[in-house]
Amino acid sequence: MKINRMAMPLMAVALMGAPVLAMAQNNNSQSAQAQDWNTPPAGTEQAQGYKDGIEAAKLDKAAKRKIDAKSSHLYKNPPVKGQQKDAYRNSFEKGYQAQLDHDKPGM
């Protein structure tokens, strides 16, 4: 009988805790998705280009300059050499656009 007195409240607490745990997991997955937009692609040039694109978009917006990745100094003069320039520029544009998309209301 003593076991039943203890088991019932414990079961009630366990059942009430399930929705709370589900909400906590939901919040964690939403915050992970929110961070995904600014995660750079693999590769040194791609990662640097992506990060630079994000920062360039922030700076262009703050300085009220033309919002265009291709008009950026780092796009025109990438800090890499040779064939790496195309990979850098491609990632730069993606990072720039990701920042613009992230700044849109409702995103």
PDB file of N, CA and C in Angstrom:
ATOM      1  N   MET A   1       0.800  -1.190   0.000  1.00  0.00           N
ATOM      2  CA  MET A   1       0.000   0.000   0.000  1.00  0.00           C
ATOM      3  C   MET A   1       0.849   1.263   0.000  1.00  0.00           C
ATOM      4  N   LYS A   2       1.939   1.244   0.732  1.00  0.00           N
ATOM      5  CA  LYS A   2       2.803   2.412   0.766  1.00  0.00           C
ATOM      6  C   LYS A   2       3.412   2.671  -0.604  1.00  0.00           C
ATOM      7  N   ILE A   3       3.650   1.612  -1.355  1.00  0.00           N
ATOM      8  CA  ILE A   3       4.214   1.765  -2.697  1.00  0.00           C
ATOM      9  C   ILE A   3       3.227   2.485  -3.601  1.00  0.00           C
ATOM     10  N   ASN A   4       1.950   2.150  -3.505  1.00  0.00           N
ATOM     11  CA  ASN A   4       0.931   2.815  -4.319  1.00  0.00           C
ATOM     12  C   ASN A   4       0.839   4.296  -3.988  1.00  0.00           C
ATOM     13  N   ARG A   5       0.972   4.649  -2.711  1.00  0.00           N
ATOM     14  CA  ARG A   5       0.900   6.052  -2.318  1.00  0.00           C
ATOM     15  C   ARG A   5       2.061   6.856  -2.906  1.00  0.00           C
ATOM     16  N   MET A   6       3.198   6.214  -3.036  1.00  0.00           N
ATOM     17  CA  MET A   6       4.353   6.906  -3.589  1.00  0.00           C
ATOM     18  C   MET A   6       4.362   6.827  -5.117  1.00  0.00           C
ATOM     19  N   ALA A   7       3.901   5.739  -5.663  1.00  0.00           N
ATOM     20  CA  ALA A   7       3.964   5.539  -7.103  1.00  0.00           C
ATOM     21  C   ALA A   7       3.035   6.486  -7.857  1.00  0.00           C
ATOM     22  N   MET A   8       1.856   6.700  -7.350  1.00  0.00           N
ATOM     23  CA  MET A   8       0.880   7.540  -8.056  1.00  0.00           C
ATOM     24  C   MET A   8       1.375   8.987  -8.206  1.00  0.00           C
ATOM     25  N   PRO A   9       1.846   9.633  -7.149  1.00  0.00           N
ATOM     26  CA  PRO A   9       2.362  10.995  -7.337  1.00  0.00           C
ATOM     27  C   PRO A   9       3.578  11.040  -8.258  1.00  0.00           C
ATOM     28  N   LEU A  10       4.430  10.032  -8.177  1.00  0.00           N
ATOM     29  CA  LEU A  10       5.599   9.988  -9.056  1.00  0.00           C
ATOM     30  C   LEU A  10       5.184   9.845 -10.518  1.00  0.00           C
ATOM     31  N   MET A  11       4.172   9.019 -10.762  1.00  0.00           N
ATOM     32  CA  MET A  11       3.681   8.857 -12.139  1.00  0.00           C
ATOM     33  C   MET A  11       3.072  10.163 -12.641  1.00  0.00           C
ATOM     34  N   ALA A  12       2.353  10.860 -11.781  1.00  0.00           N
ATOM     35  CA  ALA A  12       1.743  12.135 -12.171  1.00  0.00           C
ATOM     36  C   ALA A  12       2.819  13.157 -12.521  1.00  0.00           C
ATOM     37  N   VAL A  13       3.857  13.214 -11.709  1.00  0.00           N
ATOM     38  CA  VAL A  13       4.956  14.149 -11.981  1.00  0.00           C
ATOM     39  C   VAL A  13       5.644  13.774 -13.287  1.00  0.00           C
ATOM     40  N   ALA A  14       5.845  12.476 -13.509  1.00  0.00           N
ATOM     41  CA  ALA A  14       6.496  12.025 -14.738  1.00  0.00           C
ATOM     42  C   ALA A  14       5.661  12.383 -15.962  1.00  0.00           C
ATOM     43  N   LEU A  15       4.355  12.217 -15.868  1.00  0.00           N
ATOM     44  CA  LEU A  15       3.486  12.544 -17.004  1.00  0.00           C
ATOM     45  C   LEU A  15       3.443  14.050 -17.256  1.00  0.00           C
ATOM     46  N   MET A  16       3.501  14.831 -16.207  1.00  0.00           N
ATOM     47  CA  MET A  16       3.492  16.281 -16.376  1.00  0.00           C
ATOM     48  C   MET A  16       4.819  16.778 -16.937  1.00  0.00           C
ATOM     49  N   GLY A  17       5.881  16.073 -16.641  1.00  0.00           N
ATOM     50  CA  GLY A  17       7.201  16.465 -17.114  1.00  0.00           C
ATOM     51  C   GLY A  17       7.414  16.207 -18.591  1.00  0.00           C
ATOM     52  N   ALA A  18       6.698  15.284 -19.193  1.00  0.00           N
ATOM     53  CA  ALA A  18       6.886  14.940 -20.606  1.00  0.00           C
ATOM     54  C   ALA A  18       6.650  16.135 -21.532  1.00  0.00           C
ATOM     55  N   PRO A  19       5.547  16.890 -21.381  1.00  0.00           N
ATOM     56  CA  PRO A  19       5.372  18.057 -22.265  1.00  0.00           C
ATOM     57  C   PRO A  19       6.451  19.115 -22.078  1.00  0.00           C
ATOM     58  N   VAL A  20       6.917  19.267 -20.847  1.00  0.00           N
ATOM     59  CA  VAL A  20       7.971  20.245 -20.591  1.00  0.00           C
ATOM     60  C   VAL A  20       9.245  19.830 -21.301  1.00  0.00           C
ATOM     61  N   LEU A  21       9.579  18.544 -21.245  1.00  0.00           N
ATOM     62  CA  LEU A  21      10.766  18.051 -21.939  1.00  0.00           C
ATOM     63  C   LEU A  21      10.617  18.205 -23.447  1.00  0.00           C
ATOM     64  N   ALA A  22       9.439  17.941 -23.958  1.00  0.00           N
ATOM     65  CA  ALA A  22       9.216  18.084 -25.398  1.00  0.00           C
ATOM     66  C   ALA A  22       9.383  19.535 -25.820  1.00  0.00           C
ATOM     67  N   MET A  23       8.894  20.470 -25.006  1.00  0.00           N
ATOM     68  CA  MET A  23       9.046  21.887 -25.334  1.00  0.00           C
ATOM     69  C   MET A  23      10.504  22.296 -25.283  1.00  0.00           C
ATOM     70  N   ALA A  24      11.246  21.772 -24.325  1.00  0.00           N
ATOM     71  CA  ALA A  24      12.671  22.102 -24.216  1.00  0.00           C
ATOM     72  C   ALA A  24      13.435  21.592 -25.423  1.00  0.00           C
ATOM     73  N   GLN A  25      13.111  20.378 -25.860  1.00  0.00           N
ATOM     74  CA  GLN A  25      13.772  19.833 -27.043  1.00  0.00           C
ATOM     75  C   GLN A  25      13.409  20.643 -28.272  1.00  0.00           C
ATOM     76  N   ASN A  26      12.177  21.078 -28.372  1.00  0.00           N
ATOM     77  CA  ASN A  26      11.721  21.890 -29.500  1.00  0.00           C
ATOM     78  C   ASN A  26      12.487  23.202 -29.546  1.00  0.00           C
ATOM     79  N   ASN A  27      12.669  23.836 -28.399  1.00  0.00           N
ATOM     80  CA  ASN A  27      13.408  25.097 -28.341  1.00  0.00           C
ATOM     81  C   ASN A  27      14.856  24.908 -28.743  1.00  0.00           C
ATOM     82  N   ASN A  28      15.463  23.791 -28.339  1.00  0.00           N
ATOM     83  CA  ASN A  28      16.850  23.509 -28.713  1.00  0.00           C
ATOM     84  C   ASN A  28      16.985  23.332 -30.216  1.00  0.00           C
ATOM     85  N   SER A  29      16.048  22.631 -30.842  1.00  0.00           N
ATOM     86  CA  SER A  29      16.148  22.423 -32.288  1.00  0.00           C
ATOM     87  C   SER A  29      15.921  23.734 -33.036  1.00  0.00           C
ATOM     88  N   GLN A  30      15.053  24.602 -32.512  1.00  0.00           N
ATOM     89  CA  GLN A  30      14.832  25.895 -33.156  1.00  0.00           C
ATOM     90  C   GLN A  30      16.066  26.770 -33.055  1.00  0.00           C
ATOM     91  N   SER A  31      16.747  26.755 -31.917  1.00  0.00           N
ATOM     92  CA  SER A  31      17.948  27.572 -31.789  1.00  0.00           C
ATOM     93  C   SER A  31      19.062  27.019 -32.663  1.00  0.00           C
ATOM     94  N   ALA A  32      19.121  25.701 -32.830  1.00  0.00           N
ATOM     95  CA  ALA A  32      20.125  25.113 -33.722  1.00  0.00           C
ATOM     96  C   ALA A  32      19.849  25.517 -35.165  1.00  0.00           C
ATOM     97  N   GLN A  33      18.578  25.544 -35.563  1.00  0.00           N
ATOM     98  CA  GLN A  33      18.233  25.962 -36.923  1.00  0.00           C
ATOM     99  C   GLN A  33      18.556  27.431 -37.124  1.00  0.00           C
ATOM    100  N   ALA A  34      18.370  28.238 -36.107  1.00  0.00           N
ATOM    101  CA  ALA A  34      18.669  29.662 -36.219  1.00  0.00           C
ATOM    102  C   ALA A  34      20.157  29.891 -36.399  1.00  0.00           C
ATOM    103  N   GLN A  35      20.978  29.027 -35.846  1.00  0.00           N
ATOM    104  CA  GLN A  35      22.416  29.177 -35.975  1.00  0.00           C
ATOM    105  C   GLN A  35      22.928  28.625 -37.295  1.00  0.00           C
ATOM    106  N   ASP A  36      22.182  27.777 -37.949  1.00  0.00           N
ATOM    107  CA  ASP A  36      22.640  27.149 -39.189  1.00  0.00           C
ATOM    108  C   ASP A  36      22.909  28.153 -40.300  1.00  0.00           C
ATOM    109  N   TRP A  37      22.198  29.252 -40.350  1.00  0.00           N
ATOM    110  CA  TRP A  37      22.356  30.204 -41.453  1.00  0.00           C
ATOM    111  C   TRP A  37      23.751  30.800 -41.492  1.00  0.00           C
ATOM    112  N   ASN A  38      24.405  30.904 -40.358  1.00  0.00           N
ATOM    113  CA  ASN A  38      25.721  31.525 -40.354  1.00  0.00           C
ATOM    114  C   ASN A  38      26.861  30.527 -40.181  1.00  0.00           C
ATOM    115  N   THR A  39      26.580  29.255 -40.423  1.00  0.00           N
ATOM    116  CA  THR A  39      27.614  28.230 -40.376  1.00  0.00           C
ATOM    117  C   THR A  39      28.270  28.151 -41.751  1.00  0.00           C
ATOM    118  N   PRO A  40      29.564  28.427 -41.820  1.00  0.00           N
ATOM    119  CA  PRO A  40      30.235  28.430 -43.131  1.00  0.00           C
ATOM    120  C   PRO A  40      30.410  27.022 -43.684  1.00  0.00           C
ATOM    121  N   PRO A  41      30.530  26.915 -44.996  1.00  0.00           N
ATOM    122  CA  PRO A  41      30.775  25.609 -45.617  1.00  0.00           C
ATOM    123  C   PRO A  41      32.184  25.121 -45.301  1.00  0.00           C
ATOM    124  N   ALA A  42      32.422  23.852 -45.557  1.00  0.00           N
ATOM    125  CA  ALA A  42      33.749  23.271 -45.308  1.00  0.00           C
ATOM    126  C   ALA A  42      34.762  23.834 -46.299  1.00  0.00           C
ATOM    127  N   GLY A  43      36.001  23.865 -45.907  1.00  0.00           N
ATOM    128  CA  GLY A  43      37.055  24.381 -46.775  1.00  0.00           C
ATOM    129  C   GLY A  43      37.514  25.739 -46.295  1.00  0.00           C
ATOM    130  N   THR A  44      38.795  25.967 -46.331  1.00  0.00           N
ATOM    131  CA  THR A  44      39.361  27.204 -45.799  1.00  0.00           C
ATOM    132  C   THR A  44      38.871  28.436 -46.546  1.00  0.00           C
ATOM    133  N   GLU A  45      38.997  28.420 -47.877  1.00  0.00           N
ATOM    134  CA  GLU A  45      38.576  29.585 -48.658  1.00  0.00           C
ATOM    135  C   GLU A  45      37.068  29.787 -48.558  1.00  0.00           C
ATOM    136  N   GLN A  46      36.318  28.684 -48.602  1.00  0.00           N
ATOM    137  CA  GLN A  46      34.864  28.795 -48.544  1.00  0.00           C
ATOM    138  C   GLN A  46      34.425  29.340 -47.187  1.00  0.00           C
ATOM    139  N   ALA A  47      35.025  28.844 -46.112  1.00  0.00           N
ATOM    140  CA  ALA A  47      34.645  29.310 -44.775  1.00  0.00           C
ATOM    141  C   ALA A  47      34.979  30.788 -44.612  1.00  0.00           C
ATOM    142  N   GLN A  48      36.154  31.177 -45.040  1.00  0.00           N
ATOM    143  CA  GLN A  48      36.554  32.577 -44.903  1.00  0.00           C
ATOM    144  C   GLN A  48      35.691  33.480 -45.780  1.00  0.00           C
ATOM    145  N   GLY A  49      35.404  33.048 -46.998  1.00  0.00           N
ATOM    146  CA  GLY A  49      34.550  33.827 -47.891  1.00  0.00           C
ATOM    147  C   GLY A  49      33.151  34.006 -47.334  1.00  0.00           C
ATOM    148  N   TYR A  50      32.602  32.944 -46.767  1.00  0.00           N
ATOM    149  CA  TYR A  50      31.258  32.993 -46.188  1.00  0.00           C
ATOM    150  C   TYR A  50      31.212  33.977 -45.022  1.00  0.00           C
ATOM    151  N   LYS A  51      32.183  33.849 -44.117  1.00  0.00           N
ATOM    152  CA  LYS A  51      32.241  34.754 -42.958  1.00  0.00           C
ATOM    153  C   LYS A  51      32.436  36.200 -43.403  1.00  0.00           C
ATOM    154  N   ASP A  52      33.313  36.389 -44.376  1.00  0.00           N
ATOM    155  CA  ASP A  52      33.543  37.743 -44.880  1.00  0.00           C
ATOM    156  C   ASP A  52      32.293  38.306 -45.540  1.00  0.00           C
ATOM    157  N   GLY A  53      31.544  37.462 -46.233  1.00  0.00           N
ATOM    158  CA  GLY A  53      30.297  37.895 -46.859  1.00  0.00           C
ATOM    159  C   GLY A  53      29.274  38.348 -45.836  1.00  0.00           C
ATOM    160  N   ILE A  54      29.172  37.605 -44.740  1.00  0.00           N
ATOM    161  CA  ILE A  54      28.253  37.990 -43.662  1.00  0.00           C
ATOM    162  C   ILE A  54      28.640  39.353 -43.101  1.00  0.00           C
ATOM    163  N   GLU A  55      29.919  39.523 -42.823  1.00  0.00           N
ATOM    164  CA  GLU A  55      30.380  40.790 -42.250  1.00  0.00           C
ATOM    165  C   GLU A  55      30.220  41.946 -43.235  1.00  0.00           C
ATOM    166  N   ALA A  56      30.485  41.692 -44.513  1.00  0.00           N
ATOM    167  CA  ALA A  56      30.341  42.746 -45.522  1.00  0.00           C
ATOM    168  C   ALA A  56      28.885  43.200 -45.628  1.00  0.00           C
ATOM    169  N   ALA A  57      27.953  42.251 -45.568  1.00  0.00           N
ATOM    170  CA  ALA A  57      26.530  42.614 -45.632  1.00  0.00           C
ATOM    171  C   ALA A  57      26.143  43.459 -44.425  1.00  0.00           C
ATOM    172  N   LYS A  58      26.635  43.087 -43.254  1.00  0.00           N
ATOM    173  CA  LYS A  58      26.342  43.878 -42.050  1.00  0.00           C
ATOM    174  C   LYS A  58      26.885  45.301 -42.189  1.00  0.00           C
ATOM    175  N   LEU A  59      28.128  45.389 -42.655  1.00  0.00           N
ATOM    176  CA  LEU A  59      28.754  46.710 -42.793  1.00  0.00           C
ATOM    177  C   LEU A  59      28.077  47.554 -43.866  1.00  0.00           C
ATOM    178  N   ASP A  60      27.729  46.941 -44.999  1.00  0.00           N
ATOM    179  CA  ASP A  60      27.049  47.682 -46.061  1.00  0.00           C
ATOM    180  C   ASP A  60      25.715  48.227 -45.573  1.00  0.00           C
ATOM    181  N   LYS A  61      24.996  47.402 -44.838  1.00  0.00           N
ATOM    182  CA  LYS A  61      23.698  47.841 -44.332  1.00  0.00           C
ATOM    183  C   LYS A  61      23.871  48.962 -43.307  1.00  0.00           C
ATOM    184  N   ALA A  62      24.831  48.804 -42.405  1.00  0.00           N
ATOM    185  CA  ALA A  62      25.057  49.817 -41.365  1.00  0.00           C
ATOM    186  C   ALA A  62      25.520  51.142 -41.962  1.00  0.00           C
ATOM    187  N   ALA A  63      26.335  51.070 -43.010  1.00  0.00           N
ATOM    188  CA  ALA A  63      26.853  52.289 -43.644  1.00  0.00           C
ATOM    189  C   ALA A  63      25.908  52.824 -44.716  1.00  0.00           C
ATOM    190  N   LYS A  64      24.783  52.144 -44.899  1.00  0.00           N
ATOM    191  CA  LYS A  64      23.777  52.526 -45.897  1.00  0.00           C
ATOM    192  C   LYS A  64      24.374  52.599 -47.301  1.00  0.00           C
ATOM    193  N   ARG A  65      25.267  51.623 -47.569  1.00  0.00           N
ATOM    194  CA  ARG A  65      25.836  51.505 -48.916  1.00  0.00           C
ATOM    195  C   ARG A  65      24.941  50.617 -49.768  1.00  0.00           C
ATOM    196  N   LYS A  66      25.262  50.570 -51.029  1.00  0.00           N
ATOM    197  CA  LYS A  66      24.547  49.715 -51.970  1.00  0.00           C
ATOM    198  C   LYS A  66      24.627  48.267 -51.472  1.00  0.00           C
ATOM    199  N   ILE A  67      23.489  47.587 -51.427  1.00  0.00           N
ATOM    200  CA  ILE A  67      23.436  46.201 -50.974  1.00  0.00           C
ATOM    201  C   ILE A  67      23.665  45.296 -52.191  1.00  0.00           C
ATOM    202  N   ASP A  68      24.931  44.953 -52.388  1.00  0.00           N
ATOM    203  CA  ASP A  68      25.325  44.113 -53.520  1.00  0.00           C
ATOM    204  C   ASP A  68      26.672  43.478 -53.194  1.00  0.00           C
ATOM    205  N   ALA A  69      26.695  42.177 -53.101  1.00  0.00           N
ATOM    206  CA  ALA A  69      27.924  41.461 -52.755  1.00  0.00           C
ATOM    207  C   ALA A  69      29.034  41.746 -53.752  1.00  0.00           C
ATOM    208  N   LYS A  70      28.694  41.857 -55.024  1.00  0.00           N
ATOM    209  CA  LYS A  70      29.714  42.028 -56.064  1.00  0.00           C
ATOM    210  C   LYS A  70      30.355  43.416 -56.054  1.00  0.00           C
ATOM    211  N   SER A  71      29.767  44.342 -55.338  1.00  0.00           N
ATOM    212  CA  SER A  71      30.373  45.675 -55.259  1.00  0.00           C
ATOM    213  C   SER A  71      31.319  45.789 -54.060  1.00  0.00           C
ATOM    214  N   SER A  72      31.398  44.746 -53.266  1.00  0.00           N
ATOM    215  CA  SER A  72      32.260  44.761 -52.082  1.00  0.00           C
ATOM    216  C   SER A  72      33.737  44.677 -52.474  1.00  0.00           C
ATOM    217  N   HIS A  73      34.562  45.328 -51.697  1.00  0.00           N
ATOM    218  CA  HIS A  73      36.006  45.324 -51.927  1.00  0.00           C
ATOM    219  C   HIS A  73      36.570  43.892 -51.854  1.00  0.00           C
ATOM    220  N   LEU A  74      36.117  43.124 -50.878  1.00  0.00           N
ATOM    221  CA  LEU A  74      36.639  41.757 -50.731  1.00  0.00           C
ATOM    222  C   LEU A  74      36.175  40.830 -51.856  1.00  0.00           C
ATOM    223  N   TYR A  75      35.024  41.124 -52.443  1.00  0.00           N
ATOM    224  CA  TYR A  75      34.590  40.331 -53.595  1.00  0.00           C
ATOM    225  C   TYR A  75      35.478  40.655 -54.796  1.00  0.00           C
ATOM    226  N   LYS A  76      35.727  41.932 -55.001  1.00  0.00           N
ATOM    227  CA  LYS A  76      36.546  42.349 -56.144  1.00  0.00           C
ATOM    228  C   LYS A  76      38.010  41.970 -55.974  1.00  0.00           C
ATOM    229  N   ASN A  77      38.493  42.011 -54.752  1.00  0.00           N
ATOM    230  CA  ASN A  77      39.902  41.720 -54.450  1.00  0.00           C
ATOM    231  C   ASN A  77      39.995  40.667 -53.347  1.00  0.00           C
ATOM    232  N   PRO A  78      39.673  39.417 -53.662  1.00  0.00           N
ATOM    233  CA  PRO A  78      39.675  38.389 -52.612  1.00  0.00           C
ATOM    234  C   PRO A  78      41.077  38.169 -52.038  1.00  0.00           C
ATOM    235  N   PRO A  79      41.147  37.858 -50.747  1.00  0.00           N
ATOM    236  CA  PRO A  79      42.441  37.676 -50.092  1.00  0.00           C
ATOM    237  C   PRO A  79      43.031  36.277 -50.309  1.00  0.00           C
ATOM    238  N   VAL A  80      42.756  35.688 -51.450  1.00  0.00           N
ATOM    239  CA  VAL A  80      43.291  34.365 -51.810  1.00  0.00           C
ATOM    240  C   VAL A  80      43.876  34.442 -53.211  1.00  0.00           C
ATOM    241  N   LYS A  81      44.600  33.421 -53.593  1.00  0.00           N
ATOM    242  CA  LYS A  81      45.277  33.444 -54.896  1.00  0.00           C
ATOM    243  C   LYS A  81      44.752  32.369 -55.845  1.00  0.00           C
ATOM    244  N   GLY A  82      44.975  32.621 -57.113  1.00  0.00           N
ATOM    245  CA  GLY A  82      44.727  31.635 -58.164  1.00  0.00           C
ATOM    246  C   GLY A  82      43.296  31.134 -58.243  1.00  0.00           C
ATOM    247  N   GLN A  83      43.181  29.816 -58.354  1.00  0.00           N
ATOM    248  CA  GLN A  83      41.878  29.181 -58.534  1.00  0.00           C
ATOM    249  C   GLN A  83      41.005  29.269 -57.294  1.00  0.00           C
ATOM    250  N   GLN A  84      41.588  29.596 -56.188  1.00  0.00           N
ATOM    251  CA  GLN A  84      40.827  29.715 -54.940  1.00  0.00           C
ATOM    252  C   GLN A  84      39.907  30.936 -54.950  1.00  0.00           C
ATOM    253  N   LYS A  85      40.165  31.875 -55.838  1.00  0.00           N
ATOM    254  CA  LYS A  85      39.361  33.098 -55.895  1.00  0.00           C
ATOM    255  C   LYS A  85      37.896  32.799 -56.204  1.00  0.00           C
ATOM    256  N   ASP A  86      37.655  31.892 -57.145  1.00  0.00           N
ATOM    257  CA  ASP A  86      36.272  31.575 -57.507  1.00  0.00           C
ATOM    258  C   ASP A  86      35.516  30.956 -56.336  1.00  0.00           C
ATOM    259  N   ALA A  87      36.163  30.039 -55.608  1.00  0.00           N
ATOM    260  CA  ALA A  87      35.525  29.404 -54.453  1.00  0.00           C
ATOM    261  C   ALA A  87      35.248  30.446 -53.371  1.00  0.00           C
ATOM    262  N   TYR A  88      36.211  31.332 -53.158  1.00  0.00           N
ATOM    263  CA  TYR A  88      36.042  32.389 -52.156  1.00  0.00           C
ATOM    264  C   TYR A  88      34.862  33.291 -52.536  1.00  0.00           C
ATOM    265  N   ARG A  89      34.832  33.743 -53.779  1.00  0.00           N
ATOM    266  CA  ARG A  89      33.758  34.654 -54.221  1.00  0.00           C
ATOM    267  C   ARG A  89      32.381  33.989 -54.129  1.00  0.00           C
ATOM    268  N   ASN A  90      32.315  32.724 -54.502  1.00  0.00           N
ATOM    269  CA  ASN A  90      31.048  31.994 -54.434  1.00  0.00           C
ATOM    270  C   ASN A  90      30.548  31.930 -52.990  1.00  0.00           C
ATOM    271  N   SER A  91      31.425  31.581 -52.076  1.00  0.00           N
ATOM    272  CA  SER A  91      31.041  31.513 -50.666  1.00  0.00           C
ATOM    273  C   SER A  91      30.756  32.900 -50.090  1.00  0.00           C
ATOM    274  N   PHE A  92      31.489  33.893 -50.552  1.00  0.00           N
ATOM    275  CA  PHE A  92      31.265  35.274 -50.119  1.00  0.00           C
ATOM    276  C   PHE A  92      29.832  35.684 -50.461  1.00  0.00           C
ATOM    277  N   GLU A  93      29.414  35.413 -51.699  1.00  0.00           N
ATOM    278  CA  GLU A  93      28.049  35.758 -52.115  1.00  0.00           C
ATOM    279  C   GLU A  93      27.009  35.018 -51.281  1.00  0.00           C
ATOM    280  N   LYS A  94      27.266  33.748 -50.981  1.00  0.00           N
ATOM    281  CA  LYS A  94      26.319  32.969 -50.176  1.00  0.00           C
ATOM    282  C   LYS A  94      26.221  33.523 -48.762  1.00  0.00           C
ATOM    283  N   GLY A  95      27.348  33.878 -48.169  1.00  0.00           N
ATOM    284  CA  GLY A  95      27.338  34.467 -46.833  1.00  0.00           C
ATOM    285  C   GLY A  95      26.639  35.812 -46.817  1.00  0.00           C
ATOM    286  N   TYR A  96      26.897  36.603 -47.825  1.00  0.00           N
ATOM    287  CA  TYR A  96      26.273  37.925 -47.950  1.00  0.00           C
ATOM    288  C   TYR A  96      24.756  37.766 -48.019  1.00  0.00           C
ATOM    289  N   GLN A  97      24.306  36.849 -48.881  1.00  0.00           N
ATOM    290  CA  GLN A  97      22.869  36.622 -49.039  1.00  0.00           C
ATOM    291  C   GLN A  97      22.250  36.029 -47.777  1.00  0.00           C
ATOM    292  N   ALA A  98      22.974  35.141 -47.114  1.00  0.00           N
ATOM    293  CA  ALA A  98      22.468  34.548 -45.869  1.00  0.00           C
ATOM    294  C   ALA A  98      22.230  35.632 -44.820  1.00  0.00           C
ATOM    295  N   GLN A  99      23.130  36.591 -44.746  1.00  0.00           N
ATOM    296  CA  GLN A  99      22.958  37.697 -43.786  1.00  0.00           C
ATOM    297  C   GLN A  99      21.748  38.544 -44.154  1.00  0.00           C
ATOM    298  N   LEU A 100      21.578  38.832 -45.433  1.00  0.00           N
ATOM    299  CA  LEU A 100      20.420  39.615 -45.863  1.00  0.00           C
ATOM    300  C   LEU A 100      19.121  38.875 -45.565  1.00  0.00           C
ATOM    301  N   ASP A 101      19.102  37.570 -45.833  1.00  0.00           N
ATOM    302  CA  ASP A 101      17.907  36.766 -45.551  1.00  0.00           C
ATOM    303  C   ASP A 101      17.623  36.725 -44.058  1.00  0.00           C
ATOM    304  N   HIS A 102      18.675  36.644 -43.264  1.00  0.00           N
ATOM    305  CA  HIS A 102      18.510  36.583 -41.803  1.00  0.00           C
ATOM    306  C   HIS A 102      17.951  37.897 -41.260  1.00  0.00           C
ATOM    307  N   ASP A 103      18.303  39.007 -41.892  1.00  0.00           N
ATOM    308  CA  ASP A 103      17.836  40.320 -41.434  1.00  0.00           C
ATOM    309  C   ASP A 103      16.400  40.619 -41.823  1.00  0.00           C
ATOM    310  N   LYS A 104      15.837  39.841 -42.742  1.00  0.00           N
ATOM    311  CA  LYS A 104      14.462  40.103 -43.174  1.00  0.00           C
ATOM    312  C   LYS A 104      13.497  39.879 -42.016  1.00  0.00           C
ATOM    313  N   PRO A 105      12.482  40.717 -41.893  1.00  0.00           N
ATOM    314  CA  PRO A 105      11.495  40.529 -40.831  1.00  0.00           C
ATOM    315  C   PRO A 105      10.769  39.193 -40.990  1.00  0.00           C
ATOM    316  N   GLY A 106      10.497  38.571 -39.880  1.00  0.00           N
ATOM    317  CA  GLY A 106       9.769  37.303 -39.906  1.00  0.00           C
ATOM    318  C   GLY A 106      10.641  36.104 -40.125  1.00  0.00           C
ATOM    319  N   MET A 107      11.946  36.276 -40.234  1.00  0.00           N
ATOM    320  CA  MET A 107      12.844  35.140 -40.443  1.00  0.00           C
ATOM    321  C   MET A 107      13.415  34.730 -39.124  1.00  0.00           C
TER     322      MET A 107
END
